Protein backbone atom coordinates (compact mmCIF):
# COMPACT_ATOMS: atom_id res chain seq x y z
CA MET A 1 102.41 77.61 183.66
CA THR A 2 99.77 77.77 180.92
CA ALA A 3 99.99 75.85 177.70
CA SER A 4 100.53 79.07 175.79
CA SER A 5 103.48 80.30 177.86
CA ASN A 6 105.99 78.44 175.68
CA ASP A 7 104.59 76.83 172.57
CA ASP A 8 108.02 75.46 171.68
CA ASP A 9 107.61 72.93 174.49
CA LEU A 10 104.37 71.55 173.05
CA ILE A 11 104.65 68.53 170.77
CA PHE A 12 101.67 67.22 168.79
CA GLU A 13 101.93 63.62 167.65
CA CYS A 14 99.90 61.16 165.58
CA TYR A 15 100.68 57.78 167.12
CA SER A 16 99.83 54.08 166.85
CA ASP A 17 101.36 52.70 170.07
CA PRO A 18 98.75 50.28 171.51
CA GLU A 19 100.08 50.82 175.03
CA LEU A 20 99.49 54.57 174.75
CA LYS A 21 96.01 53.98 173.34
CA ARG A 22 95.17 51.81 176.34
CA TRP A 23 96.65 54.34 178.75
CA THR A 24 94.58 57.21 177.31
CA HIS A 25 91.38 55.15 177.35
CA LEU A 26 91.89 54.11 180.97
CA ALA A 27 92.39 57.78 181.80
CA ASN A 28 89.36 59.14 179.95
CA ALA A 29 87.02 56.29 180.90
CA LYS A 30 85.51 58.30 183.73
CA ALA A 31 84.10 60.78 181.22
CA TRP A 32 82.49 58.30 178.81
CA LYS A 33 82.27 54.82 180.34
CA GLY A 34 78.57 55.04 181.22
CA ILE A 35 77.53 51.79 182.89
CA LEU A 36 80.83 50.03 182.08
CA THR A 37 83.81 49.67 184.40
CA VAL A 38 87.02 51.50 183.53
CA GLN A 39 88.61 48.30 182.21
CA GLN A 40 85.50 47.39 180.22
CA TYR A 41 85.43 50.84 178.64
CA ALA A 42 89.07 50.52 177.56
CA ASP A 43 88.27 47.06 176.16
CA ARG A 44 85.34 48.49 174.22
CA GLU A 45 87.45 51.25 172.72
CA GLN A 46 90.02 48.66 171.67
CA LEU A 47 87.25 46.64 170.01
CA LEU A 48 85.83 49.66 168.18
CA GLY A 49 89.31 50.72 167.12
CA SER A 50 89.81 47.34 165.48
CA SER A 51 86.45 47.42 163.66
CA GLU A 52 86.23 47.54 159.88
CA ILE A 53 85.40 51.25 159.65
CA SER A 54 88.26 52.11 162.02
CA GLN A 55 90.71 49.99 160.00
CA LYS A 56 89.57 51.27 156.60
CA ASN A 57 93.13 52.24 155.70
CA LYS A 58 93.92 48.51 155.51
CA SER A 59 91.05 47.72 153.14
CA ASN A 60 92.16 46.40 149.74
CA GLU A 61 89.08 47.98 148.20
CA MET A 62 90.04 51.42 149.56
CA MET A 63 93.67 50.98 148.50
CA THR A 64 92.50 50.32 144.95
CA LYS A 65 89.82 53.01 144.85
CA TYR A 66 91.79 55.74 146.64
CA PRO A 67 95.48 54.89 146.04
CA LYS A 68 96.73 58.35 147.04
CA SER A 69 94.66 58.83 150.19
CA TYR A 70 93.68 55.46 151.68
CA GLN A 71 96.32 55.84 154.40
CA TRP A 72 94.29 58.70 155.92
CA LEU A 73 91.15 56.60 156.30
CA GLY A 74 90.14 54.89 159.54
CA GLN A 75 90.76 55.87 163.14
CA LYS A 76 93.74 58.06 163.99
CA TYR A 77 95.10 58.82 167.46
CA PHE A 78 96.77 62.00 168.67
CA VAL A 79 98.42 63.33 171.83
CA LEU A 80 99.80 66.66 172.95
CA LYS A 81 102.99 66.53 175.01
CA ASP A 82 104.54 69.27 177.12
CA ARG A 83 108.31 68.84 177.20
CA SER A 84 108.65 71.34 180.03
CA LEU A 85 107.15 68.75 182.38
CA PRO A 86 109.42 66.26 184.21
CA ASP A 87 110.26 63.26 182.03
CA ASN A 88 109.85 60.63 184.72
CA GLY A 89 107.83 57.99 182.90
CA LYS A 90 106.86 56.78 179.44
CA PHE A 91 103.78 59.01 179.21
CA SER A 92 104.59 61.59 181.88
CA GLN A 93 104.66 64.47 179.39
CA VAL A 94 101.33 63.59 177.71
CA VAL A 95 98.78 66.23 178.70
CA SER A 96 95.89 65.86 176.22
CA SER A 97 94.62 63.34 173.70
CA CYS A 98 92.04 63.00 170.95
CA GLU A 99 91.06 60.75 168.06
CA THR A 100 89.57 61.14 164.61
CA LEU A 101 87.48 58.73 162.58
CA ASN A 102 88.15 59.45 158.92
CA ARG A 103 85.62 58.27 156.35
CA ILE A 104 85.01 58.78 152.67
CA GLY A 105 82.24 61.22 151.91
CA TYR A 106 80.77 63.04 148.95
CA CYS A 107 80.53 66.73 148.18
CA ILE A 108 79.38 69.12 145.50
CA HIS A 109 80.43 72.76 145.33
CA PRO A 110 80.65 75.74 142.94
CA GLY A 111 83.95 74.51 141.52
CA SER A 112 82.88 70.93 140.84
CA ASN A 113 80.87 71.84 137.71
CA GLY A 114 77.72 70.13 138.90
CA LYS A 115 79.51 66.87 139.61
CA ILE A 116 79.71 65.00 142.90
CA GLU A 117 83.29 64.60 144.15
CA PRO A 118 84.81 62.42 146.89
CA ALA A 119 85.77 64.05 150.18
CA LEU A 120 87.69 62.93 153.24
CA ILE A 121 85.39 63.55 156.20
CA VAL A 122 87.38 63.79 159.43
CA CYS A 123 85.35 63.50 162.65
CA ILE A 124 87.02 64.46 165.94
CA GLY A 125 86.22 62.56 169.12
CA GLY A 126 87.62 61.74 172.54
CA VAL A 127 89.02 65.21 173.24
CA PHE A 128 90.43 64.88 176.74
CA THR A 129 92.87 66.66 179.03
CA PHE A 130 94.26 64.61 181.88
CA GLU A 131 92.95 65.72 185.25
CA ASN A 132 96.18 67.11 186.72
CA HIS A 133 96.77 69.24 183.60
CA ARG A 134 93.40 70.95 183.25
CA GLY A 135 92.83 74.69 183.19
CA LYS A 136 96.03 75.38 181.27
CA GLY A 137 94.67 75.63 177.73
CA TYR A 138 96.11 72.34 176.52
CA ALA A 139 92.95 71.09 174.76
CA LYS A 140 92.66 74.33 172.81
CA LYS A 141 96.29 74.09 171.71
CA MET A 142 95.80 70.47 170.71
CA ILE A 143 92.80 71.23 168.48
CA ILE A 144 94.66 74.14 166.86
CA LYS A 145 97.51 71.76 166.04
CA LEU A 146 95.04 69.11 164.85
CA ASN A 147 93.49 71.69 162.50
CA GLU A 148 96.96 72.51 161.18
CA PHE A 149 97.77 68.80 160.76
CA TYR A 150 94.77 68.21 158.50
CA ASP A 151 95.13 71.58 156.76
CA LYS A 152 98.58 70.49 155.60
CA ILE A 153 97.16 67.24 154.20
CA ARG A 154 94.56 69.26 152.29
CA ASP A 155 97.04 71.89 151.11
CA ASP A 156 99.46 69.21 149.85
CA ALA A 157 96.70 67.32 148.02
CA ASN A 158 97.52 68.57 144.50
CA THR A 159 94.98 66.75 142.31
CA VAL A 160 93.72 64.25 144.90
CA LEU A 161 90.07 65.34 145.08
CA GLU A 162 89.10 63.62 148.32
CA LEU A 163 91.97 65.38 150.14
CA LYS A 164 91.35 68.75 148.47
CA ASN A 165 87.73 68.48 149.67
CA LEU A 166 88.69 67.51 153.23
CA VAL A 167 86.11 68.51 155.86
CA ILE A 168 86.51 68.32 159.65
CA ASN A 169 83.53 67.97 161.97
CA LEU A 170 82.83 66.96 165.56
CA TYR A 171 80.08 66.44 168.13
CA SER A 172 80.45 68.78 171.07
CA GLU A 173 79.42 67.81 174.59
CA VAL A 174 80.72 71.14 175.93
CA GLY A 175 78.39 73.59 174.22
CA GLU A 176 80.06 76.22 172.04
CA TYR A 177 83.61 75.55 173.28
CA TYR A 178 84.84 74.71 169.78
CA SER A 179 83.43 77.84 168.13
CA ALA A 180 86.59 79.74 169.09
CA LEU A 181 88.58 77.11 167.20
CA GLY A 182 86.73 77.51 163.92
CA TYR A 183 83.86 75.04 164.40
CA GLU A 184 80.34 76.23 163.65
CA SER A 185 77.45 74.48 165.38
CA MET A 186 74.77 72.85 163.23
CA HIS A 187 72.55 71.59 166.03
CA VAL A 188 69.94 68.97 165.16
CA PRO A 189 67.22 68.44 167.80
CA LEU A 190 66.30 65.01 169.10
CA HIS A 191 62.84 63.50 169.32
CA ARG A 192 62.39 61.30 172.39
CA ILE A 193 59.21 59.23 172.54
CA SER A 194 58.11 57.50 175.73
CA LYS A 195 54.37 57.07 175.01
CA LEU A 196 55.04 54.01 172.89
CA ASP A 197 51.69 52.24 173.25
CA GLU A 198 49.78 55.38 172.39
CA LEU A 199 51.94 56.04 169.33
CA THR A 200 51.44 52.47 168.15
CA GLU A 201 47.68 52.60 168.59
CA ARG A 202 47.01 56.09 167.28
CA TYR A 203 49.66 56.38 164.55
CA CYS A 204 51.17 53.08 163.48
CA GLY A 205 47.97 51.05 163.41
CA GLU A 206 47.70 47.32 162.91
CA ASP A 207 50.68 45.19 161.92
CA ASP A 208 49.78 44.30 158.34
CA ASP A 209 53.31 43.68 157.07
CA HIS A 210 53.76 39.95 156.60
CA ASP A 211 56.47 39.92 153.92
CA GLY A 212 59.15 41.95 155.64
CA LYS A 213 62.21 40.74 157.52
CA TYR A 214 64.23 41.64 160.60
CA LEU A 215 67.86 42.61 160.08
CA GLY A 216 70.59 40.58 161.76
CA PHE A 217 74.21 41.52 162.36
CA ASP A 218 75.52 41.34 158.81
CA ASP A 219 72.74 40.31 156.45
CA TYR A 220 71.69 43.67 155.01
CA ARG A 221 74.64 44.93 152.96
CA GLY A 222 72.42 45.13 149.90
CA LEU A 223 70.02 47.46 151.68
CA VAL A 224 72.81 49.86 152.66
CA GLY A 225 73.83 49.87 149.00
CA LEU A 226 70.47 51.50 148.24
CA HIS A 227 71.52 54.56 150.27
CA GLU A 228 74.12 55.43 147.64
CA THR A 229 71.57 56.58 145.08
CA GLN A 230 69.48 58.42 147.66
CA PHE A 231 72.49 60.27 149.09
CA LYS A 232 73.70 61.40 145.68
CA GLU A 233 70.25 62.48 144.55
CA SER A 234 69.96 64.57 147.71
CA LEU A 235 73.34 66.24 147.10
CA LEU A 236 72.37 67.12 143.53
CA SER A 237 69.03 68.51 144.68
CA LEU A 238 70.65 70.63 147.41
CA HIS A 239 73.22 71.89 144.90
CA LYS A 240 70.49 72.90 142.49
CA GLU A 241 68.80 74.90 145.26
CA ASN A 242 72.10 76.27 146.64
CA PRO A 243 74.62 76.44 143.77
CA GLU A 244 76.93 78.75 145.73
CA LYS A 245 77.31 76.41 148.70
CA PHE A 246 79.59 73.53 149.67
CA VAL A 247 77.33 70.53 150.30
CA PHE A 248 78.75 67.36 151.83
CA THR A 249 77.82 64.07 153.44
CA VAL A 250 79.53 61.03 154.87
CA ALA A 251 79.15 58.26 152.28
CA PRO A 252 76.95 55.25 153.09
CA ASP A 253 79.01 52.31 154.31
CA PHE A 254 77.84 49.05 155.86
CA ASP A 255 80.84 49.17 158.20
CA ILE A 256 79.44 52.30 159.86
CA PHE A 257 76.43 50.31 161.00
CA THR A 258 78.49 47.35 162.25
CA TRP A 259 80.51 49.84 164.35
CA PHE A 260 77.28 50.71 166.15
CA GLN A 261 76.46 47.02 166.49
CA TYR A 262 79.83 46.14 168.04
CA ARG A 263 79.21 48.91 170.55
CA ASP A 264 75.64 47.70 171.12
CA LEU A 265 76.56 44.06 171.77
CA PHE A 266 79.59 44.85 173.92
CA ILE A 267 77.66 47.06 176.33
CA MET A 268 74.77 44.59 176.45
CA ASN A 269 77.09 41.74 177.37
CA LYS A 270 79.06 43.70 179.97
CA SER A 271 76.18 45.57 181.58
CA GLY A 272 74.81 42.69 183.61
CA ARG A 273 71.72 42.41 181.44
CA LYS A 274 70.59 38.92 180.62
CA ALA A 275 71.50 37.76 177.14
CA GLN A 276 68.88 39.28 174.90
CA GLN A 277 67.05 36.77 172.74
CA ASN A 278 65.82 37.79 169.29
CA LEU A 279 68.02 40.88 169.20
CA PHE A 280 67.71 42.58 165.83
CA PHE A 281 69.26 45.69 164.31
CA GLY A 282 66.47 46.83 162.03
CA TYR A 283 63.61 45.83 159.80
CA ALA A 284 62.97 45.86 156.04
CA LEU A 285 59.61 45.92 154.27
CA SER A 286 59.05 43.86 151.14
CA ASP A 287 59.84 46.87 148.91
CA ASN A 288 63.23 47.34 150.67
CA SER A 289 62.11 50.37 152.68
CA HIS A 290 63.97 49.82 155.94
CA ILE A 291 64.98 51.09 159.33
CA ILE A 292 68.29 50.49 161.15
CA TRP A 293 68.50 51.03 164.89
CA HIS A 294 70.91 50.93 167.82
CA HIS A 295 70.14 49.67 171.34
CA ASN A 296 71.38 52.45 173.62
CA TRP A 297 71.72 50.39 176.79
CA ASN A 298 73.48 53.29 178.54
CA GLY A 299 70.50 55.57 177.96
CA ASP A 300 67.69 52.99 178.08
CA SER A 301 66.52 53.89 174.59
CA LEU A 302 66.39 52.59 171.03
CA ILE A 303 67.99 55.05 168.61
CA ILE A 304 67.07 55.14 164.93
CA VAL A 305 70.38 55.34 163.06
CA LYS A 306 69.01 55.38 159.51
CA ILE A 307 65.65 55.10 157.78
CA HIS A 308 65.32 54.60 154.03
CA ILE A 309 61.98 55.03 152.27
CA PRO A 310 62.32 55.47 148.50
CA GLU A 311 58.87 56.97 147.92
CA GLU A 312 58.48 60.29 146.15
CA THR A 313 55.65 61.83 148.18
CA PHE A 314 55.48 62.38 151.91
CA GLN A 315 51.99 60.87 151.94
CA ARG A 316 53.32 57.57 150.61
CA LYS A 317 56.43 57.82 152.76
CA GLU A 318 54.29 58.23 155.85
CA LEU A 319 52.47 54.97 155.17
CA LYS A 320 55.81 53.15 155.17
CA LEU A 321 57.08 55.18 158.11
CA LYS A 322 54.17 53.99 160.25
CA LYS A 323 55.07 50.35 159.57
CA LEU A 324 58.75 50.85 160.30
CA LEU A 325 58.14 52.82 163.48
CA ARG A 326 55.87 50.05 164.69
CA LYS A 327 58.74 47.57 164.38
CA ALA A 328 61.08 49.94 166.20
CA ILE A 329 58.57 50.34 169.03
CA GLU A 330 58.18 46.57 169.29
CA GLU A 331 61.97 46.19 169.56
CA THR A 332 62.13 48.93 172.20
CA LYS A 333 59.53 47.24 174.38
CA LEU A 334 60.80 43.70 173.81
CA HIS A 335 64.15 44.53 175.39
CA GLY A 336 62.85 46.66 178.24
CA LEU A 337 64.00 50.00 176.86
CA GLN A 338 62.00 53.08 177.79
CA GLU A 339 62.19 55.46 174.84
CA LEU A 340 62.45 55.61 171.08
CA GLU A 341 64.84 58.32 169.93
CA PHE A 342 65.76 59.85 166.57
CA TRP A 343 67.35 62.97 165.12
CA ASP A 344 65.13 65.48 163.33
CA GLU A 345 67.13 65.30 160.12
CA GLU A 346 66.53 61.54 160.02
CA ILE A 347 62.77 61.93 160.43
CA PRO A 348 61.83 65.63 160.08
CA ILE A 349 58.56 65.37 161.98
CA LYS A 350 57.10 68.67 160.78
CA LYS A 351 57.02 67.22 157.26
CA TYR A 352 54.74 64.45 158.55
CA PRO A 353 51.73 66.43 159.86
CA GLN A 354 49.93 63.47 161.40
CA LEU A 355 53.02 62.34 163.30
CA PHE A 356 53.91 65.86 164.40
CA GLN A 357 50.42 66.63 165.68
CA LEU A 358 50.23 63.39 167.65
CA LEU A 359 53.66 63.78 169.22
CA THR A 360 52.82 67.28 170.39
CA GLU A 361 49.68 65.86 172.01
CA LEU A 362 51.38 62.88 173.63
CA GLU A 363 54.74 64.23 174.76
CA ASN A 364 56.07 67.22 176.64
CA GLU A 365 57.55 69.86 174.35
CA SER A 366 60.98 69.21 175.88
CA LYS A 367 60.82 65.67 174.47
CA VAL A 368 59.29 66.50 171.11
CA PHE A 369 62.21 68.84 170.40
CA SER A 370 64.94 67.90 172.83
CA GLU A 371 68.34 69.57 172.91
CA ASN A 372 70.95 67.24 171.47
CA GLY A 373 73.72 66.42 173.94
CA SER A 374 76.06 65.92 170.97
CA ILE A 375 76.05 69.22 169.11
CA SER A 376 77.08 68.75 165.48
CA ALA A 377 79.73 71.25 164.44
CA VAL A 378 81.77 71.66 161.27
CA ARG A 379 84.90 73.59 160.36
CA PRO A 380 84.04 75.21 157.02
CA PRO A 381 86.33 74.12 154.18
CA LYS A 382 88.88 76.61 152.91
CA GLY A 383 87.22 79.48 151.07
CA TYR A 384 83.77 79.01 152.64
CA THR A 385 81.93 80.50 155.59
CA ALA A 386 79.57 78.52 157.83
CA GLU A 387 76.60 80.02 155.97
CA GLN A 388 77.98 78.57 152.74
CA VAL A 389 78.15 74.97 154.05
CA ILE A 390 75.36 72.38 154.09
CA TRP A 391 75.92 69.16 156.01
CA ASP A 392 73.57 66.57 154.55
CA ASN A 393 72.64 63.46 156.56
CA ASN A 394 73.62 65.24 159.78
CA THR A 395 72.13 62.46 161.90
CA LYS A 396 73.14 59.67 164.27
CA PHE A 397 74.33 57.78 161.18
CA CYS A 398 77.66 59.63 161.05
CA TRP A 399 78.14 60.21 164.80
CA PHE A 400 81.46 59.39 166.44
């Protein structure tokens, strides 16, 4: 039997049962556990699910700021059940599962009269069909029902702007699979740098920054606050250039970065690596230009999550970029990682001629512009085509 043979038997549920969460994570661990054991992976997912960004619906600040939509923030869990299967156990009819991480974002569009509006940005992750149920179309049916679930929230929004402006996106590890379900790929290439000494010597130069500071686990909230102005200025600029388009971004939030850090520290501690001394999560120059990174222990790389340089010209930005990249390279080498990695939208290397030229000399073309294993894709909001949508800050920053 295929999943489509009798849709009446298929039940889509949003659930909160911790036992079911654990069961689904133990089942899908094989796909995403990396260097962790199955139990460790399930423990990590439980930790991330209890993080501040995942529990945003319980935030007093969000309840006050978004009284009619806060309940849709945070991490949500879904399963598809097939009632035609034997009911011989608590989860025996569960065939597929997925999750969404829902965050506040910003958007500007033709109907917003030049003003930035809030938007609920829904990011799909963990799409999984249990092994003995594969090849029957269950995942496709689940995503269709997930689309319908969030469409109803948007259609019932009335005057609640963040729900009216709801956008769904995802990161595909299965190529263009989701295109048939309404998701348009917006691929952003990766830059993977392994010639770290050469880049330091020929691009970054001497370490002449003596007034900056390394970023610890939770001592840079003020720096993340600076992103707010930059993000909104970018939206307004993109709207001016593309007045007919729907432009959106996930909003800056310190809790997004701590989510990466929980992940970072958990894998480090469980991977058999020695406790890392002097582990930092970024660096800030004296003028508050800064870089935030993530130790990708699974992939043996340091990933730049966000870089903020409030200079107006690329020439001045590049001077600061050199200093910040030097600190990232030092962190990479200090902890025995092999590569520095960043998304092109975070540091668009062709806009920095000196950096671009050197990278093309030092690295193989397949590393300078590497295919991203997590293909960004977005389901265009109601009334818009993919060509009419711009996803700003489409970088590791908003990955899930």
